């Protein structure tokens, strides 16, 4: 008898509808007429589970299996917003959306990291730009893009980008060349909060280890990162010292345009003591010449998750650097 009751309760929970409301955080009110899409993760991977529109009160309902993992996304003014996966039995979900504008006061680049890896011939350049949007409006400018980077002509068109928006998984985007020489942009909406743009490109051996670049994002704090074994010579950079966990050299970039001569060879690695628990990240070859381009972006992501932004790009822990005299 108890087993039958338990099975009935489980069955009811699994058949419970998925309900929720879409709230416009810019206006502070429920948003009507928003298309909400559900994606379920089944045995075959991600599977679409239908779409509905919110009613006058911003509410939506999916008559589907609420017990399985799922992803809810709302499309509003050309921008897609996601809700956390999973749902407590009978608990409504809330999806936040925002008004969009082509210009948003206060939304700007705060950090810009340039990391160079090399096998002694080719250069792999990974650039990360972090945009902070403190407003309650999404910055969306499809015409001119939201982030621009300078890419030397020698890189050709082999440039890739990955975007990490607040509360979202990394998304690959193909950069687009602008009318300005050597300037590329990514069209991706910058939602309230911090959005990170990772760019990666490769310079062939024919450039003889020389990188010429310009900083295009006003207000960003620029840093140059060189893995152990790689050195840079040129004006417009100031050596801050060595980051302990990776043994990478950190530099301030003090000029809007720099020309650097890169020598040596090396790729990012993490140095851990014997007492540290957990897996170690071993020395690996620079991405771009024996691995897929996406590895360059993954490597940048690994470095940033080690606390680079918190301790070096924001300048909150410069005292922890081993400054060279």
Protein backbone atom coordinates (compact mmCIF):
# COMPACT_ATOMS: atom_id res chain seq x y z
CA UNK A 1 0.00 0.00 0.00
CA UNK A 2 2.73 2.43 0.97
CA UNK A 3 4.65 1.58 -2.20
CA UNK A 4 1.58 2.31 -4.31
CA UNK A 5 1.05 5.68 -2.61
CA UNK A 6 4.71 6.57 -3.08
CA UNK A 7 4.58 5.69 -6.77
CA UNK A 8 1.45 7.81 -7.15
CA UNK A 9 3.12 10.81 -5.51
CA UNK A 10 6.22 10.45 -7.69
CA UNK A 11 4.04 10.15 -10.78
CA UNK A 12 2.15 13.33 -9.88
CA UNK A 13 5.41 15.22 -9.29
CA UNK A 14 6.80 14.15 -12.65
CA UNK A 15 3.61 15.19 -14.44
CA UNK A 16 3.45 18.57 -12.75
CA UNK A 17 3.45 21.52 -15.11
CA UNK A 18 6.42 23.85 -15.37
CA UNK A 19 5.19 27.33 -14.53
CA UNK A 20 6.84 30.68 -14.22
CA UNK A 21 6.79 34.38 -14.88
CA UNK A 22 8.92 36.71 -17.01
CA UNK A 23 9.81 39.92 -15.20
CA UNK A 24 11.18 43.01 -16.92
CA UNK A 25 13.87 44.20 -14.49
CA UNK A 26 14.12 47.55 -16.27
CA UNK A 27 10.49 48.42 -15.59
CA UNK A 28 10.07 46.18 -12.54
CA UNK A 29 6.89 44.68 -14.01
CA UNK A 30 5.85 41.32 -15.51
CA UNK A 31 6.40 41.24 -19.26
CA UNK A 32 3.62 40.06 -21.56
CA UNK A 33 4.05 38.57 -25.03
CA UNK A 34 7.53 37.09 -24.47
CA UNK A 35 8.37 33.82 -26.20
CA UNK A 36 9.67 31.25 -23.71
CA UNK A 37 11.36 28.10 -25.01
CA UNK A 38 12.09 24.93 -23.07
CA UNK A 39 14.99 22.59 -23.81
CA UNK A 40 15.15 19.19 -22.13
CA UNK A 41 18.23 17.08 -21.68
CA UNK A 42 17.29 13.54 -22.59
CA UNK A 43 19.13 10.39 -23.52
CA UNK A 44 19.96 11.84 -26.92
CA UNK A 45 21.24 15.15 -25.54
CA UNK A 46 19.48 18.49 -25.80
CA UNK A 47 15.94 18.14 -27.08
CA UNK A 48 13.41 20.94 -27.77
CA UNK A 49 10.30 20.68 -25.60
CA UNK A 50 8.17 23.46 -27.06
CA UNK A 51 7.59 27.20 -26.87
CA UNK A 52 4.87 29.35 -25.30
CA UNK A 53 4.14 33.06 -24.94
CA UNK A 54 3.60 34.84 -21.66
CA UNK A 55 0.11 36.08 -20.87
CA UNK A 56 -0.90 39.58 -19.82
CA UNK A 57 0.56 38.94 -16.38
CA UNK A 58 3.88 37.67 -17.75
CA UNK A 59 3.07 34.08 -16.77
CA UNK A 60 3.79 30.92 -18.76
CA UNK A 61 3.06 27.21 -18.41
CA UNK A 62 4.56 24.07 -19.95
CA UNK A 63 2.55 20.86 -19.56
CA UNK A 64 5.61 18.66 -19.53
CA UNK A 65 7.77 16.52 -17.29
CA UNK A 66 8.89 18.87 -14.53
CA UNK A 67 11.07 16.22 -12.92
CA UNK A 68 13.65 16.16 -15.70
CA UNK A 69 16.46 18.68 -16.06
CA UNK A 70 15.63 21.49 -18.46
CA UNK A 71 16.63 24.94 -19.65
CA UNK A 72 14.22 27.82 -20.08
CA UNK A 73 15.03 30.75 -22.36
CA UNK A 74 13.09 33.93 -23.03
CA UNK A 75 13.50 36.03 -26.18
CA UNK A 76 12.83 39.72 -25.70
CA UNK A 77 13.76 42.58 -28.05
CA UNK A 78 16.18 40.36 -29.96
CA UNK A 79 18.07 39.20 -26.85
CA UNK A 80 17.89 35.73 -25.27
CA UNK A 81 17.76 35.36 -21.48
CA UNK A 82 18.11 32.08 -19.59
CA UNK A 83 16.68 30.74 -16.34
CA UNK A 84 18.43 28.28 -14.02
CA UNK A 85 17.93 24.59 -14.75
CA UNK A 86 15.75 22.50 -12.48
CA UNK A 87 12.63 23.30 -10.53
CA UNK A 88 11.36 22.42 -7.09
CA UNK A 89 8.04 20.58 -7.18
CA UNK A 90 5.27 23.12 -7.77
CA UNK A 91 7.60 26.12 -7.45
CA UNK A 92 7.25 28.79 -10.19
CA UNK A 93 10.32 29.97 -12.07
CA UNK A 94 11.26 33.56 -12.77
CA UNK A 95 13.08 34.68 -15.90
CA UNK A 96 14.53 38.19 -15.89
CA UNK A 97 14.58 40.26 -19.08
CA UNK A 98 15.67 43.84 -19.70
CA UNK A 99 14.93 46.65 -22.11
CA UNK A 100 17.60 47.02 -24.82
CA UNK A 101 19.36 50.09 -26.20
CA UNK A 102 22.15 50.71 -28.73
CA UNK A 103 23.94 52.91 -26.21
CA UNK A 104 23.89 52.47 -22.44
CA UNK A 105 25.40 55.03 -20.08
CA UNK A 106 27.97 53.44 -17.79
CA UNK A 107 28.45 50.26 -19.83
CA UNK A 108 32.17 50.11 -20.64
CA UNK A 109 35.26 47.96 -20.85
CA UNK A 110 37.00 47.62 -17.49
CA UNK A 111 39.71 45.03 -18.18
CA UNK A 112 41.79 43.98 -21.18
CA UNK A 113 44.26 41.10 -21.00
CA UNK A 114 46.64 40.12 -23.80
CA UNK A 115 48.33 36.75 -23.39
CA UNK A 116 51.01 35.59 -25.84
CA UNK A 117 52.14 31.98 -26.19
CA UNK A 118 54.69 30.69 -28.67
CA UNK A 119 56.59 27.58 -29.72
CA UNK A 120 59.53 29.78 -30.72
CA UNK A 121 58.12 30.42 -34.19
CA UNK A 122 54.39 31.06 -34.35
CA UNK A 123 52.65 33.38 -31.89
CA UNK A 124 49.25 32.58 -30.42
CA UNK A 125 47.56 35.69 -29.06
CA UNK A 126 44.64 35.43 -26.66
CA UNK A 127 42.86 38.67 -25.74
CA UNK A 128 40.19 39.00 -23.07
CA UNK A 129 38.00 42.09 -22.70
CA UNK A 130 35.63 42.37 -19.74
CA UNK A 131 32.65 44.71 -20.10
CA UNK A 132 30.77 45.88 -17.02
CA UNK A 133 27.18 47.04 -17.43
CA UNK A 134 26.00 48.52 -14.11
CA UNK A 135 22.62 49.58 -15.49
CA UNK A 136 19.31 47.74 -15.76
CA UNK A 137 19.35 47.94 -19.57
CA UNK A 138 20.95 45.53 -22.03
CA UNK A 139 23.48 47.12 -24.39
CA UNK A 140 22.68 45.69 -27.82
CA UNK A 141 24.22 47.25 -30.94
CA UNK A 142 23.97 44.85 -33.90
CA UNK A 143 25.14 47.51 -36.38
CA UNK A 144 28.56 48.25 -34.92
CA UNK A 145 29.03 45.52 -32.31
CA UNK A 146 29.88 45.96 -28.66
CA UNK A 147 33.58 45.02 -28.41
CA UNK A 148 36.41 45.73 -30.86
CA UNK A 149 39.94 44.33 -31.05
CA UNK A 150 42.93 45.09 -33.25
CA UNK A 151 44.21 42.07 -35.18
CA UNK A 152 47.44 42.31 -37.26
CA UNK A 153 47.04 41.64 -40.98
CA UNK A 154 49.39 38.65 -40.75
CA UNK A 155 46.70 36.75 -38.82
CA UNK A 156 44.50 36.71 -41.90
CA UNK A 157 40.92 35.90 -41.02
CA UNK A 158 41.70 33.08 -38.59
CA UNK A 159 40.26 34.81 -35.54
CA UNK A 160 37.77 33.29 -33.14
CA UNK A 161 35.81 34.60 -30.19
CA UNK A 162 33.97 33.23 -27.19
CA UNK A 163 31.55 35.17 -24.98
CA UNK A 164 30.59 34.46 -21.39
CA UNK A 165 27.53 36.46 -20.30
CA UNK A 166 26.26 36.72 -16.70
CA UNK A 167 24.76 33.40 -15.62
CA UNK A 168 25.32 31.81 -19.03
CA UNK A 169 27.51 29.14 -20.56
CA UNK A 170 30.34 30.16 -22.95
CA UNK A 171 29.09 30.86 -26.48
CA UNK A 172 31.27 30.88 -29.60
CA UNK A 173 30.87 33.84 -31.95
CA UNK A 174 32.56 34.60 -35.25
CA UNK A 175 34.17 38.07 -35.21
CA UNK A 176 33.43 40.39 -38.13
CA UNK A 177 35.95 42.68 -39.81
CA UNK A 178 34.96 46.34 -39.70
CA UNK A 179 35.62 49.06 -42.26
CA UNK A 180 38.59 50.23 -40.17
CA UNK A 181 41.88 48.54 -41.01
CA UNK A 182 42.71 45.54 -38.79
CA UNK A 183 39.73 46.14 -36.50
CA UNK A 184 37.35 43.28 -35.72
CA UNK A 185 34.15 43.31 -33.70
CA UNK A 186 31.68 40.92 -32.09
CA UNK A 187 27.94 41.52 -32.14
CA UNK A 188 26.74 40.20 -28.79
CA UNK A 189 24.38 41.88 -26.29
CA UNK A 190 25.94 43.02 -23.04
CA UNK A 191 23.46 42.29 -20.27
CA UNK A 192 23.56 43.92 -16.82
CA UNK A 193 26.60 42.61 -14.98
CA UNK A 194 29.98 41.49 -16.35
CA UNK A 195 30.36 39.96 -19.80
CA UNK A 196 33.69 38.51 -20.93
CA UNK A 197 34.84 38.43 -24.55
CA UNK A 198 37.73 36.06 -25.39
CA UNK A 199 39.50 36.46 -28.75
CA UNK A 200 42.18 34.20 -30.20
CA UNK A 201 44.34 34.45 -33.31
CA UNK A 202 47.69 33.17 -34.55
CA UNK A 203 50.62 34.97 -36.18
CA UNK A 204 52.86 32.88 -38.46
CA UNK A 205 56.62 32.52 -38.21
CA UNK A 206 57.00 35.10 -40.99
CA UNK A 207 56.31 37.93 -38.50
CA UNK A 208 59.65 37.04 -36.83
CA UNK A 209 58.20 37.20 -33.32
CA UNK A 210 56.90 40.76 -33.62
CA UNK A 211 53.46 41.77 -32.37
CA UNK A 212 52.05 45.20 -33.22
CA UNK A 213 48.70 45.99 -31.67
CA UNK A 214 46.48 48.83 -30.49
CA UNK A 215 44.11 49.14 -27.55
CA UNK A 216 40.63 50.11 -28.74
CA UNK A 217 38.47 49.84 -25.63
CA UNK A 218 38.62 53.10 -23.71
CA UNK A 219 38.72 52.86 -19.94
CA UNK A 220 39.91 49.26 -19.78
CA UNK A 221 42.86 48.37 -17.55
CA UNK A 222 45.31 46.65 -19.94
CA UNK A 223 47.69 43.88 -18.91
CA UNK A 224 50.16 41.74 -20.82
CA UNK A 225 50.68 38.13 -19.71
CA UNK A 226 53.68 36.06 -20.80
CA UNK A 227 54.04 32.39 -19.79
CA UNK A 228 57.29 31.20 -18.28
CA UNK A 229 59.96 30.99 -20.98
CA UNK A 230 58.53 33.84 -23.08
CA UNK A 231 59.98 37.36 -23.03
CA UNK A 232 58.92 40.66 -24.59
CA UNK A 233 60.96 43.73 -25.52
CA UNK A 234 59.54 47.08 -26.51
CA UNK A 235 58.26 50.39 -25.25
CA UNK A 236 54.90 50.87 -23.54
CA UNK A 237 55.07 47.95 -21.08
CA UNK A 238 56.14 47.86 -17.43
CA UNK A 239 57.03 44.59 -15.71
CA UNK A 240 55.05 44.06 -12.50
CA UNK A 241 56.56 40.72 -11.58
CA UNK A 242 55.60 37.04 -11.56
CA UNK A 243 52.22 35.53 -10.71
CA UNK A 244 52.96 32.70 -8.21
CA UNK A 245 50.58 29.94 -9.31
CA UNK A 246 51.38 30.08 -13.03
CA UNK A 247 54.86 31.65 -12.99
CA UNK A 248 53.59 33.97 -15.72
CA UNK A 249 55.09 37.45 -16.05
CA UNK A 250 52.57 40.29 -15.69
CA UNK A 251 53.04 43.68 -17.36
CA UNK A 252 51.17 46.96 -17.32
CA UNK A 253 50.52 48.28 -20.83
CA UNK A 254 51.04 52.04 -20.71
CA UNK A 255 50.61 52.98 -24.37
CA UNK A 256 47.64 52.86 -26.75
CA UNK A 257 49.80 51.24 -29.42
CA UNK A 258 52.70 48.87 -28.81
CA UNK A 259 55.25 47.00 -30.89
CA UNK A 260 56.73 44.04 -29.06
CA UNK A 261 59.49 41.64 -30.01
CA UNK A 262 58.68 38.23 -28.54
CA UNK A 263 61.41 35.67 -27.87
CA UNK A 264 61.68 32.26 -26.22
CA UNK A 265 58.90 29.69 -26.08
CA UNK A 266 56.28 28.63 -23.60
CA UNK A 267 52.63 28.08 -22.78
CA UNK A 268 50.60 28.68 -19.68
CA UNK A 269 50.93 26.09 -16.92
CA UNK A 270 49.99 25.96 -13.26
CA UNK A 271 52.59 25.22 -10.59
CA UNK A 272 51.28 23.52 -7.45
CA UNK A 273 53.04 22.44 -4.29
CA UNK A 274 53.01 18.83 -3.14
CA UNK A 275 50.64 19.73 -0.32
CA UNK A 276 47.96 21.09 -2.66
CA UNK A 277 45.10 18.72 -3.32
CA UNK A 278 43.29 18.17 -6.60
CA UNK A 279 44.40 17.60 -10.19
CA UNK A 280 47.42 19.41 -11.60
CA UNK A 281 47.50 21.24 -14.92
CA UNK A 282 50.66 20.12 -16.70
CA UNK A 283 52.79 22.05 -19.17
CA UNK A 284 51.16 21.90 -22.60
CA UNK A 285 52.09 23.08 -26.07
CA UNK A 286 50.81 26.47 -27.21
CA UNK A 287 47.42 26.23 -28.88
CA UNK A 288 47.04 26.94 -32.57
CA UNK A 289 49.73 24.80 -34.20
CA UNK A 290 48.94 21.30 -32.92
CA UNK A 291 45.49 21.70 -31.43
CA UNK A 292 42.09 23.15 -32.37
CA UNK A 293 41.73 26.94 -32.12
CA UNK A 294 39.14 26.55 -29.39
CA UNK A 295 41.84 25.32 -27.00
CA UNK A 296 43.30 28.82 -26.98
CA UNK A 297 40.05 30.15 -25.59
CA UNK A 298 39.74 27.31 -23.10
CA UNK A 299 43.27 28.01 -21.88
CA UNK A 300 42.38 31.66 -21.30
CA UNK A 301 39.29 30.58 -19.40
CA UNK A 302 41.41 28.32 -17.17
CA UNK A 303 43.78 31.18 -16.39
CA UNK A 304 40.97 33.55 -15.53
CA UNK A 305 39.32 31.04 -13.22
CA UNK A 306 42.55 30.93 -11.23
CA UNK A 307 41.74 34.43 -10.01
CA UNK A 308 43.66 36.53 -12.53
CA UNK A 309 40.88 39.07 -12.88
CA UNK A 310 40.35 39.44 -9.15
CA UNK A 311 44.04 39.75 -8.27
CA UNK A 312 45.68 41.44 -11.24
CA UNK A 313 43.31 42.99 -13.76
CA UNK A 314 41.38 44.92 -11.13
CA UNK A 315 44.54 45.88 -9.31
CA UNK A 316 43.30 44.64 -5.95
CA UNK A 317 46.33 42.54 -5.15
CA UNK A 318 49.32 44.20 -6.75
CA UNK A 319 51.05 43.97 -3.39
CA UNK A 320 51.11 40.20 -3.81
CA UNK A 321 53.30 40.39 -6.91
CA UNK A 322 57.01 39.72 -6.62
CA UNK A 323 58.19 42.97 -8.10
CA UNK A 324 61.51 42.97 -9.89
CA UNK A 325 64.04 45.56 -8.78
